[in-house]
Amino acid sequence: MCVYAQGVSIRVSELRGVNQGRRDEMFADDYGVRADGSDQTAALTSALATAASRGRSLVLPPGIIFALDVPVPANTTLRGYGPASVLRRPATGVGGLSDVLRITGSNVSISDLKIDGNRAALAQADNRGVIDGFTAGVSNIVIERCWITEGAEKGIRYVNQGSDFVVRGCRITNIDEDAIIIQQTTQDGVGVEIVNNRIDTCAGNGIMARGSNDGTTWFQLVNSTTSGVANLQQVFGTDLTALARDWATSVFADDAASTDPRYQQPSWNLRSIFGALESTGDYPLATATLGASPMTVSVDGGSAAYLRFAVSAGQTATVQLSTLPSNVQLTLVRTR
């Protein structure tokens, strides 16, 4: 290619003809992302969302791009030009968040980037990784040929996810805790592949993997730098209302019927435990029986009510509800 300019200044890297990029790629600096020393969190978040919605890869230019806690949505491919393309946590930002990229959806590929957690800028860090993922059910994640460095907590953290997680050909250096930590609470490492990585100068474990059991869950809750709702979301995901609803349902449905696994407590048999403790041998969970007459039910915040009804063989029944408040969840479970 010949470039001729008279009286003007042209940066060759900005001349993108048909041979410089593919039709399935978007260049981040065409969408407002700048390597100019300013915080690019909002611009990069917007560019990633646009690329994902169009089914195209987002390519970061060479240079240092400052960003913090950037959500990487489902169906995203993010890449750079190797160590020349740097994502760095800014010196200031939201609280003690230590992640640069936060994976929020499935089918994500991150490659050919240097991702710098800038740990020296953090007075107090949270429990996240430089690349972090703790959204329940997320799967098919590939991180390859990245240099992940200067993490105030973890290098890569993958918590409460689904299956198919790959870290390949990465360099992970100068991490204050674990380089790679996998805390699977549902799939027990299905499809996990960690190969050909180099890990140097990490104060914790090189690779830490924890499976799905009650001990793991309690460990995560207790060994956390967050508290309250933030702590619960870090371990269980963001949808705590649905989680509380399913747990409340399991208190009745567990070991009473073959129901959805969400409504079972595999490590417990509450009916057996409480049946042995009660003098009557009954399970002390109060229920009410629905009939033909209207019934009024009062439920306090954080509690549940359990209503039962029966339908004869070959018959049907209809349950009618008045307006259900938006903060009330309803589950219908067949036990016979």
C-alpha atoms as a PDB file:
ATOM      1  CA  MET A   1       0.000   0.000   0.000  1.00  0.00           C
ATOM      2  CA  CYS A   2       1.259   3.464  -0.862  1.00  0.00           C
ATOM      3  CA  VAL A   3       0.272   6.384   1.347  1.00  0.00           C
ATOM      4  CA  TYR A   4       0.991   9.892   0.113  1.00  0.00           C
ATOM      5  CA  ALA A   5       0.087  12.946   2.149  1.00  0.00           C
ATOM      6  CA  GLN A   6       0.880  16.551   1.427  1.00  0.00           C
ATOM      7  CA  GLY A   7       0.387  19.109   4.130  1.00  0.00           C
ATOM      8  CA  VAL A   8      -1.515  16.777   6.455  1.00  0.00           C
ATOM      9  CA  SER A   9      -0.608  14.271   9.163  1.00  0.00           C
ATOM     10  CA  ILE A  10      -1.963  10.769   8.754  1.00  0.00           C
ATOM     11  CA  ARG A  11      -1.578   7.903  11.202  1.00  0.00           C
ATOM     12  CA  VAL A  12      -1.272   4.777   9.067  1.00  0.00           C
ATOM     13  CA  SER A  13      -2.853   2.542  11.718  1.00  0.00           C
ATOM     14  CA  GLU A  14      -6.106   4.419  11.195  1.00  0.00           C
ATOM     15  CA  LEU A  15      -6.302   3.614   7.478  1.00  0.00           C
ATOM     16  CA  ARG A  16      -8.388   0.489   7.384  1.00  0.00           C
ATOM     17  CA  GLY A  17      -9.053  -0.882   3.946  1.00  0.00           C
ATOM     18  CA  VAL A  18     -10.500  -4.212   2.989  1.00  0.00           C
ATOM     19  CA  ASN A  19      -7.185  -5.954   3.691  1.00  0.00           C
ATOM     20  CA  GLN A  20      -6.759  -4.605   7.225  1.00  0.00           C
ATOM     21  CA  GLY A  21      -9.873  -5.983   8.834  1.00  0.00           C
ATOM     22  CA  ARG A  22     -12.529  -8.596   8.204  1.00  0.00           C
ATOM     23  CA  ARG A  23     -16.204  -7.931   7.862  1.00  0.00           C
ATOM     24  CA  ASP A  24     -16.825  -9.809  11.116  1.00  0.00           C
ATOM     25  CA  GLU A  25     -14.603  -7.380  13.077  1.00  0.00           C
ATOM     26  CA  MET A  26     -15.185  -4.004  14.695  1.00  0.00           C
ATOM     27  CA  PHE A  27     -12.321  -1.737  15.749  1.00  0.00           C
ATOM     28  CA  ALA A  28     -12.856  -0.349  19.238  1.00  0.00           C
ATOM     29  CA  ASP A  29     -11.410   3.084  18.481  1.00  0.00           C
ATOM     30  CA  ASP A  30     -14.012   3.510  15.742  1.00  0.00           C
ATOM     31  CA  TYR A  31     -16.591   3.297  18.540  1.00  0.00           C
ATOM     32  CA  GLY A  32     -15.124   5.852  20.902  1.00  0.00           C
ATOM     33  CA  VAL A  33     -12.588   3.749  22.825  1.00  0.00           C
ATOM     34  CA  ARG A  34      -9.372   5.738  23.266  1.00  0.00           C
ATOM     35  CA  ALA A  35      -5.916   4.921  24.611  1.00  0.00           C
ATOM     36  CA  ASP A  36      -5.517   8.479  25.879  1.00  0.00           C
ATOM     37  CA  GLY A  37      -5.095   7.963  29.640  1.00  0.00           C
ATOM     38  CA  SER A  38      -8.736   8.672  30.542  1.00  0.00           C
ATOM     39  CA  ASP A  39     -11.245   6.177  31.954  1.00  0.00           C
ATOM     40  CA  GLN A  40     -12.776   4.286  29.018  1.00  0.00           C
ATOM     41  CA  THR A  41     -15.141   2.050  31.012  1.00  0.00           C
ATOM     42  CA  ALA A  42     -18.346   3.474  29.530  1.00  0.00           C
ATOM     43  CA  ALA A  43     -17.032   3.555  25.951  1.00  0.00           C
ATOM     44  CA  LEU A  44     -15.684   0.002  26.097  1.00  0.00           C
ATOM     45  CA  THR A  45     -18.895  -1.287  27.698  1.00  0.00           C
ATOM     46  CA  SER A  46     -20.923   0.259  24.879  1.00  0.00           C
ATOM     47  CA  ALA A  47     -18.582  -1.046  22.164  1.00  0.00           C
ATOM     48  CA  LEU A  48     -18.719  -4.604  23.539  1.00  0.00           C
ATOM     49  CA  ALA A  49     -22.514  -4.539  23.688  1.00  0.00           C
ATOM     50  CA  THR A  50     -22.681  -3.284  20.089  1.00  0.00           C
ATOM     51  CA  ALA A  51     -20.246  -5.919  18.830  1.00  0.00           C
ATOM     52  CA  ALA A  52     -22.136  -8.718  20.599  1.00  0.00           C
ATOM     53  CA  SER A  53     -25.483  -7.561  19.218  1.00  0.00           C
ATOM     54  CA  ARG A  54     -24.042  -7.566  15.686  1.00  0.00           C
ATOM     55  CA  GLY A  55     -22.235 -10.898  16.045  1.00  0.00           C
ATOM     56  CA  ARG A  56     -18.847  -9.325  15.382  1.00  0.00           C
ATOM     57  CA  SER A  57     -15.461  -9.392  17.134  1.00  0.00           C
ATOM     58  CA  LEU A  58     -14.223  -6.279  18.917  1.00  0.00           C
ATOM     59  CA  VAL A  59     -10.551  -5.490  18.284  1.00  0.00           C
ATOM     60  CA  LEU A  60      -8.656  -3.264  20.731  1.00  0.00           C
ATOM     61  CA  PRO A  61      -5.886  -1.066  19.309  1.00  0.00           C
ATOM     62  CA  PRO A  62      -2.307  -0.955  20.600  1.00  0.00           C
ATOM     63  CA  GLY A  63      -1.870   1.324  23.599  1.00  0.00           C
ATOM     64  CA  ILE A  64      -3.071   1.478  27.203  1.00  0.00           C
ATOM     65  CA  ILE A  65      -6.843   1.608  27.681  1.00  0.00           C
ATOM     66  CA  PHE A  66      -8.023   2.325  31.224  1.00  0.00           C
ATOM     67  CA  ALA A  67     -11.213   0.511  32.259  1.00  0.00           C
ATOM     68  CA  LEU A  68     -12.813  -1.020  35.349  1.00  0.00           C
ATOM     69  CA  ASP A  69     -15.402  -3.771  35.903  1.00  0.00           C
ATOM     70  CA  VAL A  70     -16.385  -3.885  32.221  1.00  0.00           C
ATOM     71  CA  PRO A  71     -19.213  -6.396  31.590  1.00  0.00           C
ATOM     72  CA  VAL A  72     -18.476  -8.835  28.777  1.00  0.00           C
ATOM     73  CA  PRO A  73     -21.880  -9.990  27.486  1.00  0.00           C
ATOM     74  CA  ALA A  74     -22.869 -13.265  25.879  1.00  0.00           C
ATOM     75  CA  ASN A  75     -21.622 -14.040  22.383  1.00  0.00           C
ATOM     76  CA  THR A  76     -18.627 -11.712  22.621  1.00  0.00           C
ATOM     77  CA  THR A  77     -15.203 -12.051  21.018  1.00  0.00           C
ATOM     78  CA  LEU A  78     -12.654  -9.554  22.329  1.00  0.00           C
ATOM     79  CA  ARG A  79      -9.080  -9.487  21.090  1.00  0.00           C
ATOM     80  CA  GLY A  80      -6.083  -7.230  20.705  1.00  0.00           C
ATOM     81  CA  TYR A  81      -2.646  -7.197  19.158  1.00  0.00           C
ATOM     82  CA  GLY A  82      -0.884  -9.139  21.887  1.00  0.00           C
ATOM     83  CA  PRO A  83       0.946  -7.347  24.752  1.00  0.00           C
ATOM     84  CA  ALA A  84       0.792  -4.088  22.782  1.00  0.00           C
ATOM     85  CA  SER A  85      -2.957  -3.894  23.515  1.00  0.00           C
ATOM     86  CA  VAL A  86      -3.255  -3.193  27.242  1.00  0.00           C
ATOM     87  CA  LEU A  87      -6.369  -2.988  29.405  1.00  0.00           C
ATOM     88  CA  ARG A  88      -5.484  -1.434  32.767  1.00  0.00           C
ATOM     89  CA  ARG A  89      -7.549  -0.720  35.844  1.00  0.00           C
ATOM     90  CA  PRO A  90      -7.587   3.065  36.445  1.00  0.00           C
ATOM     91  CA  ALA A  91      -6.055   4.451  39.620  1.00  0.00           C
ATOM     92  CA  THR A  92      -9.470   5.650  40.747  1.00  0.00           C
ATOM     93  CA  GLY A  93     -12.796   3.921  40.390  1.00  0.00           C
ATOM     94  CA  VAL A  94     -15.712   2.295  42.131  1.00  0.00           C
ATOM     95  CA  GLY A  95     -14.778   1.276  45.685  1.00  0.00           C
ATOM     96  CA  GLY A  96     -12.365  -1.611  45.855  1.00  0.00           C
ATOM     97  CA  LEU A  97     -13.413  -3.397  42.672  1.00  0.00           C
ATOM     98  CA  SER A  98     -10.345  -5.193  41.391  1.00  0.00           C
ATOM     99  CA  ASP A  99     -11.635  -6.680  38.138  1.00  0.00           C
ATOM    100  CA  VAL A 100     -10.983  -5.197  34.709  1.00  0.00           C
ATOM    101  CA  LEU A 101     -13.293  -7.521  32.762  1.00  0.00           C
ATOM    102  CA  ARG A 102     -16.395  -9.195  34.194  1.00  0.00           C
ATOM    103  CA  ILE A 103     -17.855 -12.057  32.145  1.00  0.00           C
ATOM    104  CA  THR A 104     -21.655 -11.937  32.292  1.00  0.00           C
ATOM    105  CA  GLY A 105     -22.763 -14.318  29.528  1.00  0.00           C
ATOM    106  CA  SER A 106     -21.945 -17.527  27.690  1.00  0.00           C
ATOM    107  CA  ASN A 107     -19.949 -18.007  24.483  1.00  0.00           C
ATOM    108  CA  VAL A 108     -17.176 -15.523  25.246  1.00  0.00           C
ATOM    109  CA  SER A 109     -13.651 -15.461  23.798  1.00  0.00           C
ATOM    110  CA  ILE A 110     -10.923 -13.139  25.128  1.00  0.00           C
ATOM    111  CA  SER A 111      -7.519 -13.300  23.466  1.00  0.00           C
ATOM    112  CA  ASP A 112      -4.268 -11.534  22.641  1.00  0.00           C
ATOM    113  CA  LEU A 113      -4.428  -8.850  25.337  1.00  0.00           C
ATOM    114  CA  LYS A 114      -2.412  -7.679  28.308  1.00  0.00           C
ATOM    115  CA  ILE A 115      -4.807  -7.103  31.210  1.00  0.00           C
ATOM    116  CA  ASP A 116      -3.321  -5.155  34.114  1.00  0.00           C
ATOM    117  CA  GLY A 117      -5.119  -5.075  37.478  1.00  0.00           C
ATOM    118  CA  ASN A 118      -2.957  -2.136  38.641  1.00  0.00           C
ATOM    119  CA  ARG A 119      -2.908  -3.467  42.209  1.00  0.00           C
ATOM    120  CA  ALA A 120      -0.719  -0.646  43.497  1.00  0.00           C
ATOM    121  CA  ALA A 121      -3.666   1.718  42.986  1.00  0.00           C
ATOM    122  CA  LEU A 122      -5.974  -0.253  45.306  1.00  0.00           C
ATOM    123  CA  ALA A 123      -6.031   0.547  49.012  1.00  0.00           C
ATOM    124  CA  GLN A 124      -8.423  -2.356  49.652  1.00  0.00           C
ATOM    125  CA  ALA A 125      -9.512  -4.958  47.119  1.00  0.00           C
ATOM    126  CA  ASP A 126     -12.523  -7.224  46.853  1.00  0.00           C
ATOM    127  CA  ASN A 127     -12.399 -10.948  46.127  1.00  0.00           C
ATOM    128  CA  ARG A 128     -12.472 -10.708  42.330  1.00  0.00           C
ATOM    129  CA  GLY A 129     -10.060 -11.634  39.583  1.00  0.00           C
ATOM    130  CA  VAL A 130      -8.508  -9.342  36.997  1.00  0.00           C
ATOM    131  CA  ILE A 131     -10.805 -11.326  34.694  1.00  0.00           C
ATOM    132  CA  ASP A 132     -13.831 -12.281  36.731  1.00  0.00           C
ATOM    133  CA  GLY A 133     -16.911 -14.413  36.174  1.00  0.00           C
ATOM    134  CA  PHE A 134     -19.528 -15.271  38.776  1.00  0.00           C
ATOM    135  CA  THR A 135     -22.829 -15.254  36.884  1.00  0.00           C
ATOM    136  CA  ALA A 136     -24.659 -18.557  37.398  1.00  0.00           C
ATOM    137  CA  GLY A 137     -24.938 -20.894  34.426  1.00  0.00           C
ATOM    138  CA  VAL A 138     -22.413 -19.171  32.190  1.00  0.00           C
ATOM    139  CA  SER A 139     -20.530 -21.606  29.925  1.00  0.00           C
ATOM    140  CA  ASN A 140     -18.257 -21.865  26.887  1.00  0.00           C
ATOM    141  CA  ILE A 141     -15.615 -19.350  27.960  1.00  0.00           C
ATOM    142  CA  VAL A 142     -12.189 -19.246  26.268  1.00  0.00           C
ATOM    143  CA  ILE A 143      -9.300 -17.077  27.492  1.00  0.00           C
ATOM    144  CA  GLU A 144      -6.129 -17.525  25.468  1.00  0.00           C
ATOM    145  CA  ARG A 145      -2.794 -15.876  24.739  1.00  0.00           C
ATOM    146  CA  CYS A 146      -3.413 -13.180  27.334  1.00  0.00           C
ATOM    147  CA  TRP A 147      -0.950 -11.679  29.800  1.00  0.00           C
ATOM    148  CA  ILE A 148      -2.784 -11.149  33.087  1.00  0.00           C
ATOM    149  CA  THR A 149      -0.832  -9.239  35.679  1.00  0.00           C
ATOM    150  CA  GLU A 150      -0.845  -7.036  38.800  1.00  0.00           C
ATOM    151  CA  GLY A 151      -3.956  -8.546  40.387  1.00  0.00           C
ATOM    152  CA  ALA A 152      -4.835  -7.319  43.882  1.00  0.00           C
ATOM    153  CA  GLU A 153      -6.741 -10.575  44.497  1.00  0.00           C
ATOM    154  CA  LYS A 154      -7.081 -13.281  41.827  1.00  0.00           C
ATOM    155  CA  GLY A 155      -5.790 -13.494  38.279  1.00  0.00           C
ATOM    156  CA  ILE A 156      -8.766 -15.309  36.755  1.00  0.00           C
ATOM    157  CA  ARG A 157     -11.794 -16.226  38.863  1.00  0.00           C
ATOM    158  CA  TYR A 158     -14.553 -18.486  37.546  1.00  0.00           C
ATOM    159  CA  VAL A 159     -17.306 -19.045  40.119  1.00  0.00           C
ATOM    160  CA  ASN A 160     -20.728 -20.720  40.057  1.00  0.00           C
ATOM    161  CA  GLN A 161     -20.546 -21.239  36.319  1.00  0.00           C
ATOM    162  CA  GLY A 162     -21.660 -23.871  33.852  1.00  0.00           C
ATOM    163  CA  SER A 163     -19.411 -26.044  31.699  1.00  0.00           C
ATOM    164  CA  ASP A 164     -16.640 -25.600  29.132  1.00  0.00           C
ATOM    165  CA  PHE A 165     -14.090 -23.186  30.526  1.00  0.00           C
ATOM    166  CA  VAL A 166     -10.689 -22.896  28.800  1.00  0.00           C
ATOM    167  CA  VAL A 167      -7.552 -20.976  29.798  1.00  0.00           C
ATOM    168  CA  ARG A 168      -4.876 -21.649  27.221  1.00  0.00           C
ATOM    169  CA  GLY A 169      -1.479 -20.198  26.438  1.00  0.00           C
ATOM    170  CA  CYS A 170      -1.718 -17.368  28.975  1.00  0.00           C
ATOM    171  CA  ARG A 171       0.921 -15.730  31.139  1.00  0.00           C
ATOM    172  CA  ILE A 172      -0.184 -14.817  34.680  1.00  0.00           C
ATOM    173  CA  THR A 173       2.185 -12.789  36.862  1.00  0.00           C
ATOM    174  CA  ASN A 174       2.309 -10.719  40.061  1.00  0.00           C
ATOM    175  CA  ILE A 175      -0.995 -11.780  41.613  1.00  0.00           C
ATOM    176  CA  ASP A 176      -1.581 -11.244  45.337  1.00  0.00           C
ATOM    177  CA  GLU A 177      -3.609 -14.469  45.713  1.00  0.00           C
ATOM    178  CA  ASP A 178      -4.485 -17.361  43.350  1.00  0.00           C
ATOM    179  CA  ALA A 179      -3.516 -17.123  39.684  1.00  0.00           C
ATOM    180  CA  ILE A 180      -6.534 -19.148  38.519  1.00  0.00           C
ATOM    181  CA  ILE A 181      -9.400 -20.176  40.784  1.00  0.00           C
ATOM    182  CA  ILE A 182     -12.355 -22.294  39.706  1.00  0.00           C
ATOM    183  CA  GLN A 183     -15.228 -22.613  42.144  1.00  0.00           C
ATOM    184  CA  GLN A 184     -17.775 -24.821  40.426  1.00  0.00           C
ATOM    185  CA  THR A 185     -20.969 -25.082  42.436  1.00  0.00           C
ATOM    186  CA  THR A 186     -23.051 -26.809  39.771  1.00  0.00           C
ATOM    187  CA  GLN A 187     -21.023 -28.741  37.199  1.00  0.00           C
ATOM    188  CA  ASP A 188     -17.949 -29.991  39.101  1.00  0.00           C
ATOM    189  CA  GLY A 189     -15.473 -28.992  36.441  1.00  0.00           C
ATOM    190  CA  VAL A 190     -17.253 -30.265  33.352  1.00  0.00           C
ATOM    191  CA  GLY A 191     -15.231 -29.269  30.305  1.00  0.00           C
ATOM    192  CA  VAL A 192     -12.541 -27.344  32.205  1.00  0.00           C
ATOM    193  CA  GLU A 193      -9.265 -27.115  30.272  1.00  0.00           C
ATOM    194  CA  ILE A 194      -6.237 -25.246  31.641  1.00  0.00           C
ATOM    195  CA  VAL A 195      -3.207 -25.898  29.435  1.00  0.00           C
ATOM    196  CA  ASN A 196       0.117 -24.348  28.393  1.00  0.00           C
ATOM    197  CA  ASN A 197      -0.045 -21.430  30.809  1.00  0.00           C
ATOM    198  CA  ARG A 198       2.900 -19.796  32.580  1.00  0.00           C
ATOM    199  CA  ILE A 199       2.366 -18.607  36.155  1.00  0.00           C
ATOM    200  CA  ASP A 200       4.986 -16.519  37.978  1.00  0.00           C
ATOM    201  CA  THR A 201       5.093 -14.624  41.300  1.00  0.00           C
ATOM    202  CA  CYS A 202       1.662 -15.392  42.728  1.00  0.00           C
ATOM    203  CA  ALA A 203       1.277 -15.274  46.507  1.00  0.00           C
ATOM    204  CA  GLY A 204      -1.499 -17.894  46.573  1.00  0.00           C
ATOM    205  CA  ASN A 205      -2.071 -21.039  44.577  1.00  0.00           C
ATOM    206  CA  GLY A 206      -1.143 -21.361  40.943  1.00  0.00           C
ATOM    207  CA  ILE A 207      -4.393 -23.149  40.099  1.00  0.00           C
ATOM    208  CA  MET A 208      -7.144 -23.688  42.682  1.00  0.00           C
ATOM    209  CA  ALA A 209     -10.227 -25.778  41.908  1.00  0.00           C
ATOM    210  CA  ARG A 210     -13.129 -26.334  44.276  1.00  0.00           C
ATOM    211  CA  GLY A 211     -16.118 -28.566  43.625  1.00  0.00           C
ATOM    212  CA  SER A 212     -19.777 -28.339  44.466  1.00  0.00           C
ATOM    213  CA  ASN A 213     -20.550 -29.187  48.071  1.00  0.00           C
ATOM    214  CA  ASP A 214     -21.832 -27.479  51.197  1.00  0.00           C
ATOM    215  CA  GLY A 215     -18.315 -27.027  52.544  1.00  0.00           C
ATOM    216  CA  THR A 216     -17.299 -25.115  49.431  1.00  0.00           C
ATOM    217  CA  THR A 217     -20.314 -22.835  49.686  1.00  0.00           C
ATOM    218  CA  TRP A 218     -19.692 -22.022  53.357  1.00  0.00           C
ATOM    219  CA  PHE A 219     -15.993 -21.480  52.633  1.00  0.00           C
ATOM    220  CA  GLN A 220     -16.861 -18.939  49.943  1.00  0.00           C
ATOM    221  CA  LEU A 221     -19.314 -17.108  52.184  1.00  0.00           C
ATOM    222  CA  VAL A 222     -16.967 -16.919  55.166  1.00  0.00           C
ATOM    223  CA  ASN A 223     -13.716 -16.218  53.306  1.00  0.00           C
ATOM    224  CA  SER A 224     -14.931 -13.108  51.546  1.00  0.00           C
ATOM    225  CA  THR A 225     -14.052  -9.450  51.797  1.00  0.00           C
ATOM    226  CA  THR A 226     -17.660  -8.462  51.049  1.00  0.00           C
ATOM    227  CA  SER A 227     -20.743  -8.756  53.254  1.00  0.00           C
ATOM    228  CA  GLY A 228     -24.513  -8.810  53.079  1.00  0.00           C
ATOM    229  CA  VAL A 229     -26.189  -8.954  49.677  1.00  0.00           C
ATOM    230  CA  ALA A 230     -22.911  -8.397  47.814  1.00  0.00           C
ATOM    231  CA  ASN A 231     -21.412 -11.473  49.492  1.00  0.00           C
ATOM    232  CA  LEU A 232     -24.421 -13.626  48.596  1.00  0.00           C
ATOM    233  CA  GLN A 233     -24.369 -12.419  44.988  1.00  0.00           C
ATOM    234  CA  GLN A 234     -20.676 -13.184  44.728  1.00  0.00           C
ATOM    235  CA  VAL A 235     -21.284 -16.813  45.683  1.00  0.00           C
ATOM    236  CA  PHE A 236     -24.743 -17.530  44.293  1.00  0.00           C
ATOM    237  CA  GLY A 237     -25.160 -15.050  41.438  1.00  0.00           C
ATOM    238  CA  THR A 238     -27.232 -11.902  41.128  1.00  0.00           C
ATOM    239  CA  ASP A 239     -30.773 -13.325  41.150  1.00  0.00           C
ATOM    240  CA  LEU A 240     -31.180 -13.810  44.901  1.00  0.00           C
ATOM    241  CA  THR A 241     -34.978 -13.544  44.820  1.00  0.00           C
ATOM    242  CA  ALA A 242     -35.308 -16.645  42.647  1.00  0.00           C
ATOM    243  CA  LEU A 243     -32.729 -18.430  44.790  1.00  0.00           C
ATOM    244  CA  ALA A 244     -34.667 -17.670  47.997  1.00  0.00           C
ATOM    245  CA  ARG A 245     -37.918 -18.769  46.329  1.00  0.00           C
ATOM    246  CA  ASP A 246     -36.453 -22.102  45.218  1.00  0.00           C
ATOM    247  CA  TRP A 247     -34.905 -22.730  48.642  1.00  0.00           C
ATOM    248  CA  ALA A 248     -38.198 -21.993  50.395  1.00  0.00           C
ATOM    249  CA  THR A 249     -39.917 -24.438  48.025  1.00  0.00           C
ATOM    250  CA  SER A 250     -37.292 -27.095  48.764  1.00  0.00           C
ATOM    251  CA  VAL A 251     -38.042 -26.882  52.494  1.00  0.00           C
ATOM    252  CA  PHE A 252     -41.397 -28.492  51.697  1.00  0.00           C
ATOM    253  CA  ALA A 253     -40.657 -30.481  48.524  1.00  0.00           C
ATOM    254  CA  ASP A 254     -37.344 -32.087  49.518  1.00  0.00           C
ATOM    255  CA  ASP A 255     -37.744 -35.862  49.927  1.00  0.00           C
ATOM    256  CA  ALA A 256     -41.521 -35.512  49.559  1.00  0.00           C
ATOM    257  CA  ALA A 257     -41.612 -36.077  45.810  1.00  0.00           C
ATOM    258  CA  SER A 258     -39.410 -36.460  42.737  1.00  0.00           C
ATOM    259  CA  THR A 259     -39.336 -32.811  41.716  1.00  0.00           C
ATOM    260  CA  ASP A 260     -37.015 -30.460  39.860  1.00  0.00           C
ATOM    261  CA  PRO A 261     -33.465 -30.542  41.349  1.00  0.00           C
ATOM    262  CA  ARG A 262     -33.911 -26.882  42.285  1.00  0.00           C
ATOM    263  CA  TYR A 263     -36.437 -28.013  44.889  1.00  0.00           C
ATOM    264  CA  GLN A 264     -34.264 -30.698  46.467  1.00  0.00           C
ATOM    265  CA  GLN A 265     -31.594 -30.523  49.171  1.00  0.00           C
ATOM    266  CA  PRO A 266     -29.204 -33.377  48.272  1.00  0.00           C
ATOM    267  CA  SER A 267     -27.095 -33.097  51.428  1.00  0.00           C
ATOM    268  CA  TRP A 268     -30.034 -32.971  53.839  1.00  0.00           C
ATOM    269  CA  ASN A 269     -33.171 -34.883  54.720  1.00  0.00           C
ATOM    270  CA  LEU A 270     -35.093 -32.427  56.837  1.00  0.00           C
ATOM    271  CA  ARG A 271     -38.138 -34.671  57.157  1.00  0.00           C
ATOM    272  CA  SER A 272     -36.000 -37.408  58.656  1.00  0.00           C
ATOM    273  CA  ILE A 273     -34.128 -35.047  60.990  1.00  0.00           C
ATOM    274  CA  PHE A 274     -37.131 -33.158  62.326  1.00  0.00           C
ATOM    275  CA  GLY A 275     -39.269 -36.294  62.365  1.00  0.00           C
ATOM    276  CA  ALA A 276     -36.807 -37.848  64.780  1.00  0.00           C
ATOM    277  CA  LEU A 277     -36.717 -34.732  66.951  1.00  0.00           C
ATOM    278  CA  GLU A 278     -40.486 -34.210  67.172  1.00  0.00           C
ATOM    279  CA  SER A 279     -42.365 -36.294  69.712  1.00  0.00           C
ATOM    280  CA  THR A 280     -45.159 -36.863  67.184  1.00  0.00           C
ATOM    281  CA  GLY A 281     -42.762 -37.867  64.431  1.00  0.00           C
ATOM    282  CA  ASP A 282     -44.312 -35.240  62.149  1.00  0.00           C
ATOM    283  CA  TYR A 283     -42.548 -32.700  59.989  1.00  0.00           C
ATOM    284  CA  PRO A 284     -43.256 -29.358  61.691  1.00  0.00           C
ATOM    285  CA  LEU A 285     -43.927 -27.243  58.609  1.00  0.00           C
ATOM    286  CA  ALA A 286     -47.298 -25.503  58.724  1.00  0.00           C
ATOM    287  CA  THR A 287     -49.445 -25.887  55.605  1.00  0.00           C
ATOM    288  CA  ALA A 288     -52.968 -24.788  54.715  1.00  0.00           C
ATOM    289  CA  THR A 289     -55.478 -26.630  52.538  1.00  0.00           C
ATOM    290  CA  LEU A 290     -57.134 -24.854  49.626  1.00  0.00           C
ATOM    291  CA  GLY A 291     -60.797 -25.533  48.949  1.00  0.00           C
ATOM    292  CA  ALA A 292     -63.756 -24.066  47.147  1.00  0.00           C
ATOM    293  CA  SER A 293     -63.987 -21.073  49.481  1.00  0.00           C
ATOM    294  CA  PRO A 294     -61.690 -18.047  49.075  1.00  0.00           C
ATOM    295  CA  MET A 295     -58.671 -17.911  51.359  1.00  0.00           C
ATOM    296  CA  THR A 296     -56.601 -14.930  52.488  1.00  0.00           C
ATOM    297  CA  VAL A 297     -52.898 -15.520  53.065  1.00  0.00           C
ATOM    298  CA  SER A 298     -50.501 -13.155  54.829  1.00  0.00           C
ATOM    299  CA  VAL A 299     -46.770 -13.506  54.183  1.00  0.00           C
ATOM    300  CA  ASP A 300     -44.148 -11.483  56.027  1.00  0.00           C
ATOM    301  CA  GLY A 301     -41.058 -10.260  54.190  1.00  0.00           C
ATOM    302  CA  GLY A 302     -38.489 -13.028  53.913  1.00  0.00           C
ATOM    303  CA  SER A 303     -40.966 -15.771  54.801  1.00  0.00           C
ATOM    304  CA  ALA A 304     -43.175 -18.225  52.890  1.00  0.00           C
ATOM    305  CA  ALA A 305     -46.630 -19.782  53.039  1.00  0.00           C
ATOM    306  CA  TYR A 306     -47.401 -23.338  51.913  1.00  0.00           C
ATOM    307  CA  LEU A 307     -50.807 -24.191  50.427  1.00  0.00           C
ATOM    308  CA  ARG A 308     -51.912 -27.684  49.431  1.00  0.00           C
ATOM    309  CA  PHE A 309     -54.760 -28.935  47.263  1.00  0.00           C
ATOM    310  CA  ALA A 310     -55.726 -32.252  45.694  1.00  0.00           C
ATOM    311  CA  VAL A 311     -57.330 -33.114  42.367  1.00  0.00           C
ATOM    312  CA  SER A 312     -59.149 -36.404  41.864  1.00  0.00           C
ATOM    313  CA  ALA A 313     -58.125 -38.710  39.033  1.00  0.00           C
ATOM    314  CA  GLY A 314     -59.516 -37.577  35.694  1.00  0.00           C
ATOM    315  CA  GLN A 315     -60.508 -34.199  37.098  1.00  0.00           C
ATOM    316  CA  THR A 316     -59.110 -30.675  36.738  1.00  0.00           C
ATOM    317  CA  ALA A 317     -58.829 -27.771  39.150  1.00  0.00           C
ATOM    318  CA  THR A 318     -58.349 -24.049  38.787  1.00  0.00           C
ATOM    319  CA  VAL A 319     -56.473 -21.839  41.244  1.00  0.00           C
ATOM    320  CA  GLN A 320     -57.360 -18.162  40.976  1.00  0.00           C
ATOM    321  CA  LEU A 321     -55.209 -15.463  42.510  1.00  0.00           C
ATOM    322  CA  SER A 322     -55.948 -11.865  43.211  1.00  0.00           C
ATOM    323  CA  THR A 323     -53.323  -9.362  42.082  1.00  0.00           C
ATOM    324  CA  LEU A 324     -49.950 -10.743  43.119  1.00  0.00           C
ATOM    325  CA  PRO A 325     -47.550  -8.092  44.482  1.00  0.00           C
ATOM    326  CA  SER A 326     -44.342  -7.717  42.467  1.00  0.00           C
ATOM    327  CA  ASN A 327     -42.215  -8.730  45.460  1.00  0.00           C
ATOM    328  CA  VAL A 328     -44.032 -12.060  45.922  1.00  0.00           C
ATOM    329  CA  GLN A 329     -42.831 -15.191  44.103  1.00  0.00           C
ATOM    330  CA  LEU A 330     -45.102 -18.179  43.439  1.00  0.00           C
ATOM    331  CA  THR A 331     -44.107 -21.818  42.825  1.00  0.00           C
ATOM    332  CA  LEU A 332     -46.480 -24.646  41.869  1.00  0.00           C
ATOM    333  CA  VAL A 333     -45.095 -28.149  42.536  1.00  0.00           C
ATOM    334  CA  ARG A 334     -46.785 -31.477  41.880  1.00  0.00           C
ATOM    335  CA  THR A 335     -45.991 -33.969  44.642  1.00  0.00           C
ATOM    336  CA  ARG A 336     -48.014 -36.974  43.420  1.00  0.00           C
END
